[in-house]
């Protein structure tokens, strides 16, 4: 649906901007380990931003569009929690932020499972 396409487009814009910021502004300021963590956040952000757009395009084609919308919101939550915690961890060095990351991973997994259910 249109909401997911808009949300996914915003997520993709932010992923590209944050990726460029990491490559240009943070590369010299962070350790190699922290850059790798940051890049993992960008990678998952990009993949799931595209996923949200895909769900927006699929929603009207499946019998349960409300489940597809739920899946999209779960992917969005995953980006916030997973990628967001990795961005924050890498920039601040506060390792405790890594405890949030698995919650984002669970949101990603739940989103994809919900899509599977909607497709079946």
N, C-alpha and C. Protein backbone atom coordinates (compact mmCIF):
# COMPACT_ATOMS: atom_id res chain seq x y z
N UNK A 1 0.83 -1.15 0.00
CA UNK A 1 0.00 0.00 0.00
C UNK A 1 0.89 1.24 0.00
N UNK A 2 0.29 2.32 -0.31
CA UNK A 2 1.05 3.56 -0.47
C UNK A 2 1.86 3.92 0.78
N UNK A 3 1.31 3.70 1.95
CA UNK A 3 2.01 4.03 3.19
C UNK A 3 3.34 3.30 3.28
N UNK A 4 3.34 2.01 2.93
CA UNK A 4 4.58 1.24 3.01
C UNK A 4 5.58 1.69 1.95
N UNK A 5 5.11 2.03 0.77
CA UNK A 5 6.03 2.51 -0.28
C UNK A 5 6.68 3.82 0.17
N UNK A 6 5.89 4.70 0.76
CA UNK A 6 6.43 5.97 1.25
C UNK A 6 7.43 5.71 2.39
N UNK A 7 7.03 4.88 3.35
CA UNK A 7 7.91 4.56 4.47
C UNK A 7 9.20 3.91 3.98
N UNK A 8 9.07 2.96 3.06
CA UNK A 8 10.25 2.29 2.51
C UNK A 8 11.16 3.24 1.77
N UNK A 9 10.58 4.17 1.04
CA UNK A 9 11.37 5.17 0.32
C UNK A 9 12.15 6.06 1.29
N UNK A 10 11.50 6.45 2.38
CA UNK A 10 12.19 7.25 3.40
C UNK A 10 13.32 6.43 4.03
N UNK A 11 13.06 5.16 4.31
CA UNK A 11 14.09 4.31 4.89
C UNK A 11 15.28 4.14 3.93
N UNK A 12 14.99 4.02 2.64
CA UNK A 12 16.07 3.88 1.66
C UNK A 12 16.88 5.17 1.56
N UNK A 13 16.21 6.31 1.57
CA UNK A 13 16.92 7.60 1.56
C UNK A 13 17.86 7.68 2.75
N UNK A 14 17.33 7.36 3.94
CA UNK A 14 18.14 7.43 5.16
C UNK A 14 19.29 6.42 5.13
N UNK A 15 19.04 5.23 4.60
CA UNK A 15 20.10 4.22 4.52
C UNK A 15 21.25 4.69 3.63
N UNK A 16 20.91 5.26 2.49
CA UNK A 16 21.95 5.77 1.58
C UNK A 16 22.69 6.93 2.24
N UNK A 17 21.96 7.84 2.86
CA UNK A 17 22.59 8.99 3.52
C UNK A 17 23.50 8.52 4.66
N UNK A 18 23.01 7.60 5.48
CA UNK A 18 23.82 7.11 6.60
C UNK A 18 25.01 6.29 6.11
N UNK A 19 24.83 5.56 5.02
CA UNK A 19 25.95 4.83 4.43
C UNK A 19 27.04 5.77 3.94
N UNK A 20 26.63 6.83 3.27
CA UNK A 20 27.60 7.82 2.79
C UNK A 20 28.27 8.53 3.96
N UNK A 21 27.50 8.85 4.98
CA UNK A 21 28.06 9.49 6.17
C UNK A 21 29.12 8.59 6.81
N UNK A 22 28.81 7.32 6.90
CA UNK A 22 29.76 6.37 7.48
C UNK A 22 31.02 6.25 6.65
N UNK A 23 30.84 6.20 5.34
CA UNK A 23 31.99 6.03 4.45
C UNK A 23 32.89 7.26 4.41
N UNK A 24 32.30 8.43 4.57
CA UNK A 24 33.09 9.65 4.41
C UNK A 24 33.44 10.32 5.74
N UNK A 25 32.49 10.46 6.63
CA UNK A 25 32.73 11.21 7.87
C UNK A 25 33.24 10.34 9.01
N UNK A 26 32.81 9.08 9.05
CA UNK A 26 33.17 8.24 10.19
C UNK A 26 34.39 7.36 9.95
N UNK A 27 34.73 7.13 8.71
CA UNK A 27 35.81 6.19 8.37
C UNK A 27 37.10 6.51 9.13
N UNK A 28 37.42 7.78 9.27
CA UNK A 28 38.67 8.17 9.93
C UNK A 28 38.51 8.31 11.44
N UNK A 29 37.29 8.35 11.91
CA UNK A 29 37.04 8.60 13.34
C UNK A 29 36.79 7.33 14.15
N UNK A 30 36.37 6.26 13.48
CA UNK A 30 36.02 5.03 14.19
C UNK A 30 37.04 3.94 13.90
N UNK A 31 37.16 3.02 14.83
CA UNK A 31 38.04 1.87 14.62
C UNK A 31 37.46 0.98 13.51
N UNK A 32 38.28 0.10 13.00
CA UNK A 32 37.83 -0.83 11.95
C UNK A 32 36.66 -1.69 12.44
N UNK A 33 36.72 -2.11 13.71
CA UNK A 33 35.63 -2.91 14.28
C UNK A 33 34.32 -2.13 14.32
N UNK A 34 34.40 -0.88 14.72
CA UNK A 34 33.19 -0.06 14.82
C UNK A 34 32.64 0.29 13.43
N UNK A 35 33.52 0.49 12.46
CA UNK A 35 33.05 0.72 11.08
C UNK A 35 32.32 -0.51 10.57
N UNK A 36 32.85 -1.69 10.88
CA UNK A 36 32.20 -2.93 10.43
C UNK A 36 30.80 -3.06 11.05
N UNK A 37 30.67 -2.71 12.33
CA UNK A 37 29.36 -2.73 12.99
C UNK A 37 28.42 -1.74 12.32
N UNK A 38 28.91 -0.54 12.05
CA UNK A 38 28.11 0.50 11.39
C UNK A 38 27.65 0.01 10.01
N UNK A 39 28.58 -0.58 9.26
CA UNK A 39 28.25 -1.07 7.91
C UNK A 39 27.22 -2.19 7.95
N UNK A 40 27.26 -3.02 8.99
CA UNK A 40 26.23 -4.06 9.14
C UNK A 40 24.86 -3.41 9.33
N UNK A 41 24.81 -2.35 10.12
CA UNK A 41 23.56 -1.61 10.29
C UNK A 41 23.05 -1.08 8.97
N UNK A 42 23.93 -0.51 8.16
CA UNK A 42 23.54 0.03 6.86
C UNK A 42 23.05 -1.09 5.94
N UNK A 43 23.76 -2.22 5.94
CA UNK A 43 23.39 -3.34 5.07
C UNK A 43 21.97 -3.83 5.38
N UNK A 44 21.66 -4.04 6.64
CA UNK A 44 20.32 -4.49 7.02
C UNK A 44 19.28 -3.41 6.79
N UNK A 45 19.67 -2.16 6.99
CA UNK A 45 18.78 -1.02 6.74
C UNK A 45 18.37 -1.00 5.27
N UNK A 46 19.35 -1.13 4.38
CA UNK A 46 19.07 -1.14 2.94
C UNK A 46 18.18 -2.31 2.54
N UNK A 47 18.54 -3.49 2.99
CA UNK A 47 17.78 -4.68 2.60
C UNK A 47 16.33 -4.59 3.05
N UNK A 48 16.11 -4.15 4.27
CA UNK A 48 14.75 -4.12 4.79
C UNK A 48 13.97 -2.89 4.35
N UNK A 49 14.67 -1.82 3.99
CA UNK A 49 14.01 -0.69 3.34
C UNK A 49 13.42 -1.13 2.01
N UNK A 50 14.20 -1.88 1.25
CA UNK A 50 13.67 -2.44 -0.01
C UNK A 50 12.53 -3.40 0.26
N UNK A 51 12.66 -4.17 1.34
CA UNK A 51 11.58 -5.10 1.71
C UNK A 51 10.28 -4.37 1.99
N UNK A 52 10.37 -3.25 2.68
CA UNK A 52 9.15 -2.47 2.98
C UNK A 52 8.50 -1.99 1.69
N UNK A 53 9.31 -1.51 0.74
CA UNK A 53 8.76 -1.07 -0.55
C UNK A 53 8.09 -2.26 -1.25
N UNK A 54 8.75 -3.39 -1.26
CA UNK A 54 8.19 -4.60 -1.88
C UNK A 54 6.85 -4.97 -1.25
N UNK A 55 6.78 -4.89 0.08
CA UNK A 55 5.52 -5.22 0.75
C UNK A 55 4.42 -4.24 0.36
N UNK A 56 4.78 -2.97 0.22
CA UNK A 56 3.79 -1.98 -0.21
C UNK A 56 3.25 -2.28 -1.59
N UNK A 57 4.10 -2.80 -2.46
CA UNK A 57 3.66 -3.14 -3.81
C UNK A 57 2.87 -4.44 -3.85
N UNK A 58 3.14 -5.33 -2.90
CA UNK A 58 2.45 -6.63 -2.85
C UNK A 58 1.12 -6.61 -2.10
N UNK A 59 0.95 -5.65 -1.23
CA UNK A 59 -0.17 -5.67 -0.28
C UNK A 59 -1.52 -5.89 -0.95
N UNK A 60 -1.78 -5.21 -2.03
CA UNK A 60 -3.09 -5.33 -2.69
C UNK A 60 -3.24 -6.61 -3.50
N UNK A 61 -2.14 -7.33 -3.70
CA UNK A 61 -2.20 -8.54 -4.50
C UNK A 61 -2.42 -9.80 -3.66
N UNK A 62 -2.28 -9.68 -2.37
CA UNK A 62 -2.49 -10.83 -1.49
C UNK A 62 -3.83 -10.71 -0.79
N UNK A 63 -4.35 -11.85 -0.36
CA UNK A 63 -5.69 -11.88 0.22
C UNK A 63 -5.79 -11.21 1.58
N UNK A 64 -4.67 -11.06 2.26
CA UNK A 64 -4.70 -10.48 3.61
C UNK A 64 -3.78 -9.26 3.68
N UNK A 65 -4.21 -8.15 3.07
CA UNK A 65 -3.35 -6.96 3.06
C UNK A 65 -3.01 -6.44 4.45
N UNK A 66 -3.87 -6.69 5.43
CA UNK A 66 -3.57 -6.21 6.79
C UNK A 66 -2.35 -6.93 7.37
N UNK A 67 -2.19 -8.21 7.02
CA UNK A 67 -1.00 -8.93 7.46
C UNK A 67 0.26 -8.40 6.77
N UNK A 68 0.12 -8.03 5.51
CA UNK A 68 1.26 -7.47 4.78
C UNK A 68 1.65 -6.13 5.41
N UNK A 69 0.66 -5.34 5.78
CA UNK A 69 0.95 -4.07 6.46
C UNK A 69 1.66 -4.33 7.78
N UNK A 70 1.19 -5.30 8.54
CA UNK A 70 1.84 -5.65 9.80
C UNK A 70 3.29 -6.06 9.55
N UNK A 71 3.51 -6.86 8.52
CA UNK A 71 4.88 -7.28 8.19
C UNK A 71 5.75 -6.07 7.89
N UNK A 72 5.20 -5.11 7.15
CA UNK A 72 5.95 -3.89 6.83
C UNK A 72 6.32 -3.10 8.07
N UNK A 73 5.38 -2.98 8.99
CA UNK A 73 5.66 -2.24 10.23
C UNK A 73 6.67 -2.98 11.09
N UNK A 74 6.65 -4.31 11.05
CA UNK A 74 7.66 -5.08 11.78
C UNK A 74 9.05 -4.88 11.17
N UNK A 75 9.13 -4.82 9.85
CA UNK A 75 10.43 -4.54 9.22
C UNK A 75 10.92 -3.15 9.60
N UNK A 76 10.00 -2.19 9.65
CA UNK A 76 10.36 -0.84 10.07
C UNK A 76 10.89 -0.85 11.51
N UNK A 77 10.19 -1.55 12.39
CA UNK A 77 10.65 -1.66 13.78
C UNK A 77 12.02 -2.32 13.83
N UNK A 78 12.22 -3.31 12.97
CA UNK A 78 13.53 -3.97 12.91
C UNK A 78 14.63 -3.02 12.51
N UNK A 79 14.36 -2.16 11.54
CA UNK A 79 15.36 -1.16 11.13
C UNK A 79 15.69 -0.25 12.30
N UNK A 80 14.65 0.24 12.98
CA UNK A 80 14.88 1.14 14.10
C UNK A 80 15.71 0.47 15.20
N UNK A 81 15.32 -0.74 15.56
CA UNK A 81 15.98 -1.42 16.67
C UNK A 81 17.33 -2.03 16.28
N UNK A 82 17.36 -2.75 15.18
CA UNK A 82 18.59 -3.45 14.78
C UNK A 82 19.62 -2.45 14.25
N UNK A 83 19.28 -1.79 13.17
CA UNK A 83 20.24 -0.86 12.57
C UNK A 83 20.49 0.32 13.49
N UNK A 84 19.44 0.85 14.08
CA UNK A 84 19.60 1.99 14.98
C UNK A 84 20.53 1.70 16.13
N UNK A 85 20.40 0.52 16.73
CA UNK A 85 21.29 0.18 17.84
C UNK A 85 22.73 0.00 17.36
N UNK A 86 22.92 -0.54 16.17
CA UNK A 86 24.28 -0.69 15.64
C UNK A 86 24.89 0.67 15.31
N UNK A 87 24.10 1.58 14.76
CA UNK A 87 24.61 2.93 14.51
C UNK A 87 25.04 3.58 15.83
N UNK A 88 24.16 3.50 16.82
CA UNK A 88 24.46 4.13 18.11
C UNK A 88 25.66 3.48 18.79
N UNK A 89 25.72 2.16 18.76
CA UNK A 89 26.84 1.44 19.36
C UNK A 89 28.16 1.84 18.72
N UNK A 90 28.19 1.88 17.40
CA UNK A 90 29.44 2.18 16.70
C UNK A 90 29.91 3.61 16.93
N UNK A 91 28.99 4.55 17.02
CA UNK A 91 29.36 5.96 17.20
C UNK A 91 29.72 6.27 18.66
N UNK A 92 29.00 5.64 19.60
CA UNK A 92 29.24 5.96 21.01
C UNK A 92 30.22 5.01 21.68
N UNK A 93 30.33 3.79 21.16
CA UNK A 93 31.17 2.79 21.79
C UNK A 93 30.52 2.13 23.01
N UNK A 94 29.26 2.46 23.28
CA UNK A 94 28.55 1.88 24.43
C UNK A 94 28.07 0.49 24.04
N UNK A 95 28.77 -0.51 24.52
CA UNK A 95 28.49 -1.90 24.14
C UNK A 95 27.12 -2.38 24.60
N UNK A 96 26.60 -1.81 25.66
CA UNK A 96 25.29 -2.23 26.18
C UNK A 96 24.18 -2.01 25.15
N UNK A 97 24.40 -1.09 24.20
CA UNK A 97 23.40 -0.87 23.15
C UNK A 97 23.22 -2.12 22.28
N UNK A 98 24.23 -2.97 22.27
CA UNK A 98 24.14 -4.21 21.52
C UNK A 98 23.04 -5.13 22.03
N UNK A 99 22.58 -4.91 23.25
CA UNK A 99 21.49 -5.73 23.80
C UNK A 99 20.17 -5.47 23.08
N UNK A 100 20.05 -4.31 22.44
CA UNK A 100 18.83 -3.96 21.71
C UNK A 100 18.79 -4.65 20.34
N UNK A 101 19.96 -4.88 19.77
CA UNK A 101 20.07 -5.40 18.41
C UNK A 101 19.25 -6.67 18.17
N UNK A 102 19.31 -7.67 19.05
CA UNK A 102 18.52 -8.88 18.81
C UNK A 102 17.01 -8.64 18.74
N UNK A 103 16.53 -7.63 19.45
CA UNK A 103 15.10 -7.31 19.37
C UNK A 103 14.74 -6.90 17.94
N UNK A 104 15.62 -6.15 17.32
CA UNK A 104 15.42 -5.78 15.92
C UNK A 104 15.46 -6.99 15.01
N UNK A 105 16.37 -7.91 15.30
CA UNK A 105 16.45 -9.14 14.51
C UNK A 105 15.17 -9.95 14.62
N UNK A 106 14.61 -10.01 15.80
CA UNK A 106 13.34 -10.72 16.00
C UNK A 106 12.22 -10.03 15.22
N UNK A 107 12.23 -8.70 15.21
CA UNK A 107 11.21 -7.97 14.44
C UNK A 107 11.35 -8.27 12.95
N UNK A 108 12.59 -8.32 12.46
CA UNK A 108 12.81 -8.69 11.05
C UNK A 108 12.24 -10.09 10.78
N UNK A 109 12.61 -11.04 11.61
CA UNK A 109 12.15 -12.42 11.41
C UNK A 109 10.63 -12.52 11.47
N UNK A 110 10.04 -11.82 12.43
CA UNK A 110 8.58 -11.84 12.56
C UNK A 110 7.92 -11.24 11.33
N UNK A 111 8.49 -10.17 10.81
CA UNK A 111 7.93 -9.56 9.60
C UNK A 111 7.92 -10.52 8.42
N UNK A 112 9.02 -11.22 8.25
CA UNK A 112 9.09 -12.16 7.12
C UNK A 112 8.17 -13.36 7.33
N UNK A 113 8.03 -13.82 8.56
CA UNK A 113 7.10 -14.92 8.84
C UNK A 113 5.65 -14.48 8.60
N UNK A 114 5.32 -13.26 9.00
CA UNK A 114 3.97 -12.74 8.79
C UNK A 114 3.69 -12.64 7.29
N UNK A 115 4.69 -12.23 6.51
CA UNK A 115 4.50 -12.20 5.05
C UNK A 115 4.25 -13.59 4.51
N UNK A 116 5.00 -14.57 5.00
CA UNK A 116 4.79 -15.96 4.58
C UNK A 116 3.36 -16.40 4.87
N UNK A 117 2.89 -16.08 6.06
CA UNK A 117 1.51 -16.45 6.43
C UNK A 117 0.51 -15.75 5.51
N UNK A 118 0.76 -14.48 5.22
CA UNK A 118 -0.15 -13.72 4.33
C UNK A 118 -0.15 -14.33 2.92
N UNK A 119 0.99 -14.83 2.48
CA UNK A 119 1.08 -15.40 1.14
C UNK A 119 0.42 -16.77 1.05
N UNK A 120 0.42 -17.49 2.17
CA UNK A 120 -0.18 -18.83 2.17
C UNK A 120 -1.69 -18.73 2.28
